Structure formats: structure tokens, C-alpha cells
Amino acid sequence: MSEQLDKAFDALKTYDWGMEPNLVKPIEDAIVATHTDAAARKELETRLIAALKAESPRAAKDVVCRALKTIGTVAAVPALEPLLGDEKLSHMARYALERIPGPEAAKALTDALSKGTPKVKIGVIGSLGARGEASSLVPLTGLLGDSDAGVAAAAATALGDLGSIEAAKALVMSKPVPATKAAVGAASLLCAQRLVKAGNKPAAKITYEKLLASTPSKVVKEAATLGLKSL
């Protein structure tokens, strides 16, 4: 296994799309094999981090990011973070960071909000929403008024994913432009639903009421009205 794994890491140096996937499959096999061996898995992660930092084709970095998505720890954050601003690699780097617990990974994603294209930012915002951490509240709220409608709408959706009282307040107190109003309405509804599920009906009631007072679309109005009646 060790010899095969060595060959797989060597193959990563030139691995590109269209090449035989079996060349790097030993890396996937090693992830499975080290499932109950913390020391071996740590060694594997160290090798993956080194491979990610090295010069290699995009396909090779994609393979490494996929592996780190499964076994990555805080140690991998410094290697993944620089890829977040790269439109071609950002998606795989952030998928890995989504799974890595701890403030370091969250900070890397949050810091990336000030870099890259709107397309990259939208992806990063989605990852912050997927992590669902309270530390994302302030930066996401700040993006509700972003000049790019796609970014603002993504921020609203991510706040809906947070589903907290604070996220609900940020959404219903925001002043969305027509292009983002639907996203804000849907996210507000999601927050209210999650507040109900968490047993906080008073906060859900306030959210529904404020949403109805914001002259929402017919669909959102009907949903909010039904939500209020169900409390």
C-alpha cells in the first residue's frame, strides 16, 4: 500500500483531466484504510497539504481538496485558504473548509468575502451558511446591501440557513431592493420555521409579523400568514 500511495502522490505532480483515475485512487484507498488509525491519517493529511502547496495541474488540486474534505483538520486551513480567491479552485477549497471544524476555517471563509469575483463570493457565502455558525452573522448581514444582487441574495439565503433570532432580525430589518426582496422573504420564512422548530414561537411570531408588514410578495404573504395561524 505504501508503494502504491507513493506512486499516487508522485502522479499528482502531473495529473490532469482525461488521465486514468486509478493513478491517484490509492489516495482514496488510504483515506478508508486510515479510518481508525489517527497517526496514519495525520501523516496522510500532511502529505496532502504538501501536495496542495506544490505546483500541479488543477485536476490534481481537485483530487487533494476532495481528500481534505474527508480528513482535513485545522492544519489544512493555511493551504486551502489561498485557493478561495481562485475562481477555478475556490469551490473545492471551500467544500473542504465547510467540513473542518473550528474558528480557523470559519475565519478563512469570512476573510475571503473581501476577495475574488462576485461568483466566488457567492460560493463562499453559501459555505458560511452551510457551517451555520453565529460568527458569520455580522459579515453576512453586512452583505445584505451589497451592490451585486447575487451576492446580497446569497447573504440572505445564508442568514436563513443560520436560522437564529439574530439572523431573523437582520433579515426583517433589512431594506432589500426589488432584485433581492424574494430571497430576503424566503430566508425570513426559513428563519421563522426554524425558530418554531427550536421551540421559540414568540420570536417566530415577531418574524412573521414584521415580514407581513414589509409588503411581501403574494407567495411570501400567504406562507407568513399560514405560519402565524399555526403558532
C-alpha atoms as a PDB file:
ATOM      1  CA  MET A   1       0.000   0.000   0.000  1.00  0.00           C
ATOM      2  CA  SER A   2       2.804   2.381   0.869  1.00  0.00           C
ATOM      3  CA  GLU A   3       4.485   1.930  -2.501  1.00  0.00           C
ATOM      4  CA  GLN A   4       1.189   2.437  -4.323  1.00  0.00           C
ATOM      5  CA  LEU A   5       0.475   5.539  -2.271  1.00  0.00           C
ATOM      6  CA  ASP A   6       3.932   6.934  -3.053  1.00  0.00           C
ATOM      7  CA  LYS A   7       3.257   6.419  -6.762  1.00  0.00           C
ATOM      8  CA  ALA A   8      -0.122   8.148  -6.434  1.00  0.00           C
ATOM      9  CA  PHE A   9       1.425  11.217  -4.821  1.00  0.00           C
ATOM     10  CA  ASP A  10       4.098  11.237  -7.492  1.00  0.00           C
ATOM     11  CA  ALA A  11       1.353  11.062 -10.149  1.00  0.00           C
ATOM     12  CA  LEU A  12      -0.295  14.145  -8.661  1.00  0.00           C
ATOM     13  CA  LYS A  13       2.584  16.281  -9.920  1.00  0.00           C
ATOM     14  CA  THR A  14       1.338  15.918 -13.490  1.00  0.00           C
ATOM     15  CA  TYR A  15      -2.188  14.530 -13.026  1.00  0.00           C
ATOM     16  CA  ASP A  16      -4.725  16.238 -15.266  1.00  0.00           C
ATOM     17  CA  TRP A  17      -8.205  15.776 -16.666  1.00  0.00           C
ATOM     18  CA  GLY A  18      -8.520  12.810 -19.003  1.00  0.00           C
ATOM     19  CA  MET A  19      -5.808  10.778 -17.290  1.00  0.00           C
ATOM     20  CA  GLU A  20      -6.518   7.386 -15.741  1.00  0.00           C
ATOM     21  CA  PRO A  21      -8.240   7.918 -12.334  1.00  0.00           C
ATOM     22  CA  ASN A  22      -6.614   4.765 -10.985  1.00  0.00           C
ATOM     23  CA  LEU A  23      -3.316   6.653 -10.923  1.00  0.00           C
ATOM     24  CA  VAL A  24      -4.484   8.542  -7.847  1.00  0.00           C
ATOM     25  CA  LYS A  25      -7.011   6.053  -6.442  1.00  0.00           C
ATOM     26  CA  PRO A  26      -4.554   4.807  -3.774  1.00  0.00           C
ATOM     27  CA  ILE A  27      -5.099   8.160  -2.031  1.00  0.00           C
ATOM     28  CA  GLU A  28      -8.807   7.428  -1.742  1.00  0.00           C
ATOM     29  CA  ASP A  29      -7.994   3.900  -0.563  1.00  0.00           C
ATOM     30  CA  ALA A  30      -5.643   5.304   2.078  1.00  0.00           C
ATOM     31  CA  ILE A  31      -8.405   7.510   3.454  1.00  0.00           C
ATOM     32  CA  VAL A  32     -10.523   4.418   4.036  1.00  0.00           C
ATOM     33  CA  ALA A  33      -7.617   2.384   5.391  1.00  0.00           C
ATOM     34  CA  THR A  34      -6.636   5.011   7.961  1.00  0.00           C
ATOM     35  CA  HIS A  35     -10.142   5.472   9.313  1.00  0.00           C
ATOM     36  CA  THR A  36      -9.245   4.038  12.719  1.00  0.00           C
ATOM     37  CA  ASP A  37      -5.553   4.987  12.736  1.00  0.00           C
ATOM     38  CA  ALA A  38      -5.166   8.608  13.864  1.00  0.00           C
ATOM     39  CA  ALA A  39      -1.398   8.695  13.385  1.00  0.00           C
ATOM     40  CA  ALA A  40      -1.558   7.298   9.847  1.00  0.00           C
ATOM     41  CA  ARG A  41      -4.373   9.649   8.929  1.00  0.00           C
ATOM     42  CA  LYS A  42      -2.406  12.616  10.247  1.00  0.00           C
ATOM     43  CA  GLU A  43       0.575  11.584   8.142  1.00  0.00           C
ATOM     44  CA  LEU A  44      -1.706  11.288   5.107  1.00  0.00           C
ATOM     45  CA  GLU A  45      -3.099  14.757   5.734  1.00  0.00           C
ATOM     46  CA  THR A  46       0.418  16.172   5.985  1.00  0.00           C
ATOM     47  CA  ARG A  47       1.279  14.695   2.597  1.00  0.00           C
ATOM     48  CA  LEU A  48      -1.924  16.054   1.080  1.00  0.00           C
ATOM     49  CA  ILE A  49      -1.200  19.537   2.407  1.00  0.00           C
ATOM     50  CA  ALA A  50       2.280  19.426   0.882  1.00  0.00           C
ATOM     51  CA  ALA A  51       0.803  18.269  -2.430  1.00  0.00           C
ATOM     52  CA  LEU A  52      -1.705  21.122  -2.387  1.00  0.00           C
ATOM     53  CA  LYS A  53       1.050  23.678  -1.883  1.00  0.00           C
ATOM     54  CA  ALA A  54       3.161  22.225  -4.706  1.00  0.00           C
ATOM     55  CA  GLU A  55       2.896  23.201  -8.359  1.00  0.00           C
ATOM     56  CA  SER A  56       0.415  20.836 -10.018  1.00  0.00           C
ATOM     57  CA  PRO A  57      -2.483  20.871 -12.512  1.00  0.00           C
ATOM     58  CA  ARG A  58      -5.952  21.935 -11.457  1.00  0.00           C
ATOM     59  CA  ALA A  59      -7.200  18.340 -11.604  1.00  0.00           C
ATOM     60  CA  ALA A  60      -4.559  17.271  -9.089  1.00  0.00           C
ATOM     61  CA  LYS A  61      -5.542  20.030  -6.674  1.00  0.00           C
ATOM     62  CA  ASP A  62      -9.139  18.980  -7.093  1.00  0.00           C
ATOM     63  CA  VAL A  63      -8.217  15.442  -6.002  1.00  0.00           C
ATOM     64  CA  VAL A  64      -6.370  16.763  -2.965  1.00  0.00           C
ATOM     65  CA  CYS A  65      -9.213  19.074  -1.925  1.00  0.00           C
ATOM     66  CA  ARG A  66     -11.674  16.205  -2.172  1.00  0.00           C
ATOM     67  CA  ALA A  67      -9.436  14.153   0.109  1.00  0.00           C
ATOM     68  CA  LEU A  68      -9.095  17.006   2.598  1.00  0.00           C
ATOM     69  CA  LYS A  69     -12.861  17.380   2.588  1.00  0.00           C
ATOM     70  CA  THR A  70     -12.912  13.985   4.286  1.00  0.00           C
ATOM     71  CA  ILE A  71      -9.847  14.052   6.530  1.00  0.00           C
ATOM     72  CA  GLY A  72      -8.838  17.713   6.694  1.00  0.00           C
ATOM     73  CA  THR A  73      -8.225  19.353  10.067  1.00  0.00           C
ATOM     74  CA  VAL A  74      -7.260  22.851  11.135  1.00  0.00           C
ATOM     75  CA  ALA A  75      -3.751  22.054   9.899  1.00  0.00           C
ATOM     76  CA  ALA A  76      -5.035  22.147   6.315  1.00  0.00           C
ATOM     77  CA  VAL A  77      -6.615  25.612   6.552  1.00  0.00           C
ATOM     78  CA  PRO A  78      -3.481  27.633   5.584  1.00  0.00           C
ATOM     79  CA  ALA A  79      -3.073  25.541   2.430  1.00  0.00           C
ATOM     80  CA  LEU A  80      -6.736  25.748   1.441  1.00  0.00           C
ATOM     81  CA  GLU A  81      -7.270  29.439   2.157  1.00  0.00           C
ATOM     82  CA  PRO A  82      -5.202  30.840  -0.769  1.00  0.00           C
ATOM     83  CA  LEU A  83      -7.348  28.865  -3.213  1.00  0.00           C
ATOM     84  CA  LEU A  84     -10.571  30.567  -2.155  1.00  0.00           C
ATOM     85  CA  GLY A  85      -9.953  33.577  -4.389  1.00  0.00           C
ATOM     86  CA  ASP A  86      -9.284  31.399  -7.448  1.00  0.00           C
ATOM     87  CA  GLU A  87     -12.491  31.017  -9.449  1.00  0.00           C
ATOM     88  CA  LYS A  88     -11.339  27.634 -10.794  1.00  0.00           C
ATOM     89  CA  LEU A  89     -10.355  26.153  -7.438  1.00  0.00           C
ATOM     90  CA  SER A  90     -12.463  28.050  -4.932  1.00  0.00           C
ATOM     91  CA  HIS A  91     -15.382  25.628  -4.947  1.00  0.00           C
ATOM     92  CA  MET A  92     -13.319  22.593  -3.946  1.00  0.00           C
ATOM     93  CA  ALA A  93     -11.325  24.532  -1.345  1.00  0.00           C
ATOM     94  CA  ARG A  94     -14.449  25.840   0.320  1.00  0.00           C
ATOM     95  CA  TYR A  95     -16.117  22.428   0.302  1.00  0.00           C
ATOM     96  CA  ALA A  96     -13.159  21.167   2.291  1.00  0.00           C
ATOM     97  CA  LEU A  97     -13.279  24.148   4.643  1.00  0.00           C
ATOM     98  CA  GLU A  98     -17.007  23.602   5.212  1.00  0.00           C
ATOM     99  CA  ARG A  99     -16.192  20.291   6.879  1.00  0.00           C
ATOM    100  CA  ILE A 100     -13.270  21.448   9.006  1.00  0.00           C
ATOM    101  CA  PRO A 101     -14.458  22.426  12.499  1.00  0.00           C
ATOM    102  CA  GLY A 102     -13.072  25.362  14.423  1.00  0.00           C
ATOM    103  CA  PRO A 103     -12.781  29.129  14.115  1.00  0.00           C
ATOM    104  CA  GLU A 104      -9.755  28.975  11.807  1.00  0.00           C
ATOM    105  CA  ALA A 105     -11.761  27.513   8.920  1.00  0.00           C
ATOM    106  CA  ALA A 106     -14.628  29.938   9.534  1.00  0.00           C
ATOM    107  CA  LYS A 107     -12.211  32.876   9.554  1.00  0.00           C
ATOM    108  CA  ALA A 108     -10.617  31.755   6.300  1.00  0.00           C
ATOM    109  CA  LEU A 109     -14.032  31.749   4.638  1.00  0.00           C
ATOM    110  CA  THR A 110     -15.033  35.068   6.182  1.00  0.00           C
ATOM    111  CA  ASP A 111     -11.787  36.725   5.099  1.00  0.00           C
ATOM    112  CA  ALA A 112     -12.408  35.514   1.555  1.00  0.00           C
ATOM    113  CA  LEU A 113     -15.561  37.643   1.376  1.00  0.00           C
ATOM    114  CA  SER A 114     -13.381  40.666   0.680  1.00  0.00           C
ATOM    115  CA  LYS A 115     -11.596  38.953  -2.211  1.00  0.00           C
ATOM    116  CA  GLY A 116     -12.434  37.483  -5.560  1.00  0.00           C
ATOM    117  CA  THR A 117     -15.282  37.946  -8.002  1.00  0.00           C
ATOM    118  CA  PRO A 118     -18.981  38.046  -7.093  1.00  0.00           C
ATOM    119  CA  LYS A 119     -19.199  34.430  -8.274  1.00  0.00           C
ATOM    120  CA  VAL A 120     -16.503  33.413  -5.787  1.00  0.00           C
ATOM    121  CA  LYS A 121     -18.132  35.417  -3.002  1.00  0.00           C
ATOM    122  CA  ILE A 122     -21.492  33.776  -3.611  1.00  0.00           C
ATOM    123  CA  GLY A 123     -19.904  30.359  -3.199  1.00  0.00           C
ATOM    124  CA  VAL A 124     -18.105  31.376  -0.016  1.00  0.00           C
ATOM    125  CA  ILE A 125     -21.326  32.832   1.390  1.00  0.00           C
ATOM    126  CA  GLY A 126     -23.032  29.507   0.726  1.00  0.00           C
ATOM    127  CA  SER A 127     -20.296  27.707   2.639  1.00  0.00           C
ATOM    128  CA  LEU A 128     -20.706  30.035   5.614  1.00  0.00           C
ATOM    129  CA  GLY A 129     -24.417  29.324   5.562  1.00  0.00           C
ATOM    130  CA  ALA A 130     -23.729  25.597   5.449  1.00  0.00           C
ATOM    131  CA  ARG A 131     -21.467  25.866   8.507  1.00  0.00           C
ATOM    132  CA  GLY A 132     -24.271  27.679  10.318  1.00  0.00           C
ATOM    133  CA  GLU A 133     -22.067  29.437  12.859  1.00  0.00           C
ATOM    134  CA  ALA A 134     -23.068  32.527  14.824  1.00  0.00           C
ATOM    135  CA  SER A 135     -19.737  34.163  13.943  1.00  0.00           C
ATOM    136  CA  SER A 136     -20.999  34.522  10.350  1.00  0.00           C
ATOM    137  CA  LEU A 137     -23.922  36.732  11.358  1.00  0.00           C
ATOM    138  CA  VAL A 138     -22.187  40.124  11.190  1.00  0.00           C
ATOM    139  CA  PRO A 139     -20.332  39.651   7.874  1.00  0.00           C
ATOM    140  CA  LEU A 140     -23.399  38.134   6.219  1.00  0.00           C
ATOM    141  CA  THR A 141     -25.631  40.943   7.476  1.00  0.00           C
ATOM    142  CA  GLY A 142     -23.197  43.457   6.040  1.00  0.00           C
ATOM    143  CA  LEU A 143     -23.627  41.891   2.600  1.00  0.00           C
ATOM    144  CA  LEU A 144     -27.418  42.231   2.520  1.00  0.00           C
ATOM    145  CA  GLY A 145     -26.944  45.630   0.932  1.00  0.00           C
ATOM    146  CA  ASP A 146     -24.164  44.611  -1.457  1.00  0.00           C
ATOM    147  CA  SER A 147     -24.236  46.333  -4.842  1.00  0.00           C
ATOM    148  CA  ASP A 148     -24.224  42.926  -6.537  1.00  0.00           C
ATOM    149  CA  ALA A 149     -27.731  41.488  -6.285  1.00  0.00           C
ATOM    150  CA  GLY A 150     -26.440  37.932  -6.475  1.00  0.00           C
ATOM    151  CA  VAL A 151     -24.149  38.475  -3.502  1.00  0.00           C
ATOM    152  CA  ALA A 152     -26.898  40.174  -1.485  1.00  0.00           C
ATOM    153  CA  ALA A 153     -29.381  37.398  -2.256  1.00  0.00           C
ATOM    154  CA  ALA A 154     -26.832  34.736  -1.297  1.00  0.00           C
ATOM    155  CA  ALA A 155     -26.222  36.525   2.010  1.00  0.00           C
ATOM    156  CA  ALA A 156     -29.951  36.498   2.719  1.00  0.00           C
ATOM    157  CA  THR A 157     -30.160  32.786   1.969  1.00  0.00           C
ATOM    158  CA  ALA A 158     -27.186  32.070   4.233  1.00  0.00           C
ATOM    159  CA  LEU A 159     -28.786  34.030   7.076  1.00  0.00           C
ATOM    160  CA  GLY A 160     -31.872  31.899   6.591  1.00  0.00           C
ATOM    161  CA  ASP A 161     -29.653  28.852   6.979  1.00  0.00           C
ATOM    162  CA  LEU A 162     -28.396  30.226  10.295  1.00  0.00           C
ATOM    163  CA  GLY A 163     -31.987  30.324  11.462  1.00  0.00           C
ATOM    164  CA  SER A 164     -31.257  32.246  14.651  1.00  0.00           C
ATOM    165  CA  ILE A 165     -33.179  35.080  16.314  1.00  0.00           C
ATOM    166  CA  GLU A 166     -30.385  37.465  15.329  1.00  0.00           C
ATOM    167  CA  ALA A 167     -30.462  36.281  11.717  1.00  0.00           C
ATOM    168  CA  ALA A 168     -34.223  36.725  11.590  1.00  0.00           C
ATOM    169  CA  LYS A 169     -33.898  40.268  12.957  1.00  0.00           C
ATOM    170  CA  ALA A 170     -31.233  41.142  10.393  1.00  0.00           C
ATOM    171  CA  LEU A 171     -33.443  39.919   7.567  1.00  0.00           C
ATOM    172  CA  VAL A 172     -36.729  41.574   8.567  1.00  0.00           C
ATOM    173  CA  MET A 173     -34.982  44.849   9.419  1.00  0.00           C
ATOM    174  CA  SER A 174     -33.123  44.992   6.110  1.00  0.00           C
ATOM    175  CA  LYS A 175     -34.300  47.116   3.193  1.00  0.00           C
ATOM    176  CA  PRO A 176     -33.902  44.869   0.151  1.00  0.00           C
ATOM    177  CA  VAL A 177     -34.012  46.185  -3.378  1.00  0.00           C
ATOM    178  CA  PRO A 178     -36.546  44.580  -5.758  1.00  0.00           C
ATOM    179  CA  ALA A 179     -33.914  42.171  -7.095  1.00  0.00           C
ATOM    180  CA  THR A 180     -33.259  40.685  -3.648  1.00  0.00           C
ATOM    181  CA  LYS A 181     -36.653  41.006  -1.970  1.00  0.00           C
ATOM    182  CA  ALA A 182     -37.728  37.461  -2.866  1.00  0.00           C
ATOM    183  CA  ALA A 183     -34.550  35.979  -1.377  1.00  0.00           C
ATOM    184  CA  VAL A 184     -34.940  38.004   1.814  1.00  0.00           C
ATOM    185  CA  GLY A 185     -38.577  36.943   2.118  1.00  0.00           C
ATOM    186  CA  ALA A 186     -37.785  33.265   1.627  1.00  0.00           C
ATOM    187  CA  ALA A 187     -34.904  33.433   4.087  1.00  0.00           C
ATOM    188  CA  SER A 188     -37.087  35.183   6.676  1.00  0.00           C
ATOM    189  CA  LEU A 189     -39.660  32.415   6.353  1.00  0.00           C
ATOM    190  CA  LEU A 190     -36.961  29.805   6.820  1.00  0.00           C
ATOM    191  CA  CYS A 191     -35.734  31.561   9.959  1.00  0.00           C
ATOM    192  CA  ALA A 192     -39.265  31.662  11.354  1.00  0.00           C
ATOM    193  CA  GLN A 193     -39.770  27.971  10.634  1.00  0.00           C
ATOM    194  CA  ARG A 194     -36.510  27.077  12.346  1.00  0.00           C
ATOM    195  CA  LEU A 195     -37.382  29.228  15.350  1.00  0.00           C
ATOM    196  CA  VAL A 196     -40.665  27.334  15.667  1.00  0.00           C
ATOM    197  CA  LYS A 197     -38.831  24.030  15.439  1.00  0.00           C
ATOM    198  CA  ALA A 198     -36.439  25.215  18.160  1.00  0.00           C
ATOM    199  CA  GLY A 199     -39.409  25.977  20.405  1.00  0.00           C
ATOM    200  CA  ASN A 200     -39.152  29.769  20.167  1.00  0.00           C
ATOM    201  CA  LYS A 201     -42.645  30.626  18.964  1.00  0.00           C
ATOM    202  CA  PRO A 202     -42.581  34.228  20.270  1.00  0.00           C
ATOM    203  CA  ALA A 203     -39.555  35.053  18.097  1.00  0.00           C
ATOM    204  CA  ALA A 204     -41.144  33.264  15.147  1.00  0.00           C
ATOM    205  CA  LYS A 205     -44.345  35.295  15.650  1.00  0.00           C
ATOM    206  CA  ILE A 206     -42.401  38.567  15.579  1.00  0.00           C
ATOM    207  CA  THR A 207     -40.582  37.456  12.440  1.00  0.00           C
ATOM    208  CA  TYR A 208     -43.811  36.578  10.644  1.00  0.00           C
ATOM    209  CA  GLU A 209     -45.446  39.851  11.687  1.00  0.00           C
ATOM    210  CA  LYS A 210     -42.521  42.004  10.577  1.00  0.00           C
ATOM    211  CA  LEU A 211     -42.358  40.097   7.311  1.00  0.00           C
ATOM    212  CA  LEU A 212     -46.045  40.747   6.660  1.00  0.00           C
ATOM    213  CA  ALA A 213     -45.539  44.432   7.418  1.00  0.00           C
ATOM    214  CA  SER A 214     -42.880  44.664   4.710  1.00  0.00           C
ATOM    215  CA  THR A 215     -45.406  44.284   1.851  1.00  0.00           C
ATOM    216  CA  PRO A 216     -44.078  40.901   0.724  1.00  0.00           C
ATOM    217  CA  SER A 217     -44.981  39.047  -2.433  1.00  0.00           C
ATOM    218  CA  LYS A 218     -48.246  37.120  -2.559  1.00  0.00           C
ATOM    219  CA  VAL A 219     -46.482  33.793  -2.032  1.00  0.00           C
ATOM    220  CA  VAL A 220     -44.490  35.012   0.970  1.00  0.00           C
ATOM    221  CA  LYS A 221     -47.555  36.733   2.416  1.00  0.00           C
ATOM    222  CA  GLU A 222     -49.578  33.533   2.233  1.00  0.00           C
ATOM    223  CA  ALA A 223     -46.778  31.498   3.802  1.00  0.00           C
ATOM    224  CA  ALA A 224     -46.257  34.003   6.610  1.00  0.00           C
ATOM    225  CA  THR A 225     -49.997  34.162   7.284  1.00  0.00           C
ATOM    226  CA  LEU A 226     -50.215  30.375   7.492  1.00  0.00           C
ATOM    227  CA  GLY A 227     -47.154  30.365   9.751  1.00  0.00           C
ATOM    228  CA  LEU A 228     -48.794  32.803  12.150  1.00  0.00           C
ATOM    229  CA  LYS A 229     -52.001  30.780  12.254  1.00  0.00           C
ATOM    230  CA  SER A 230     -50.079  27.616  13.098  1.00  0.00           C
ATOM    231  CA  LEU A 231     -48.448  29.088  16.213  1.00  0.00           C
END
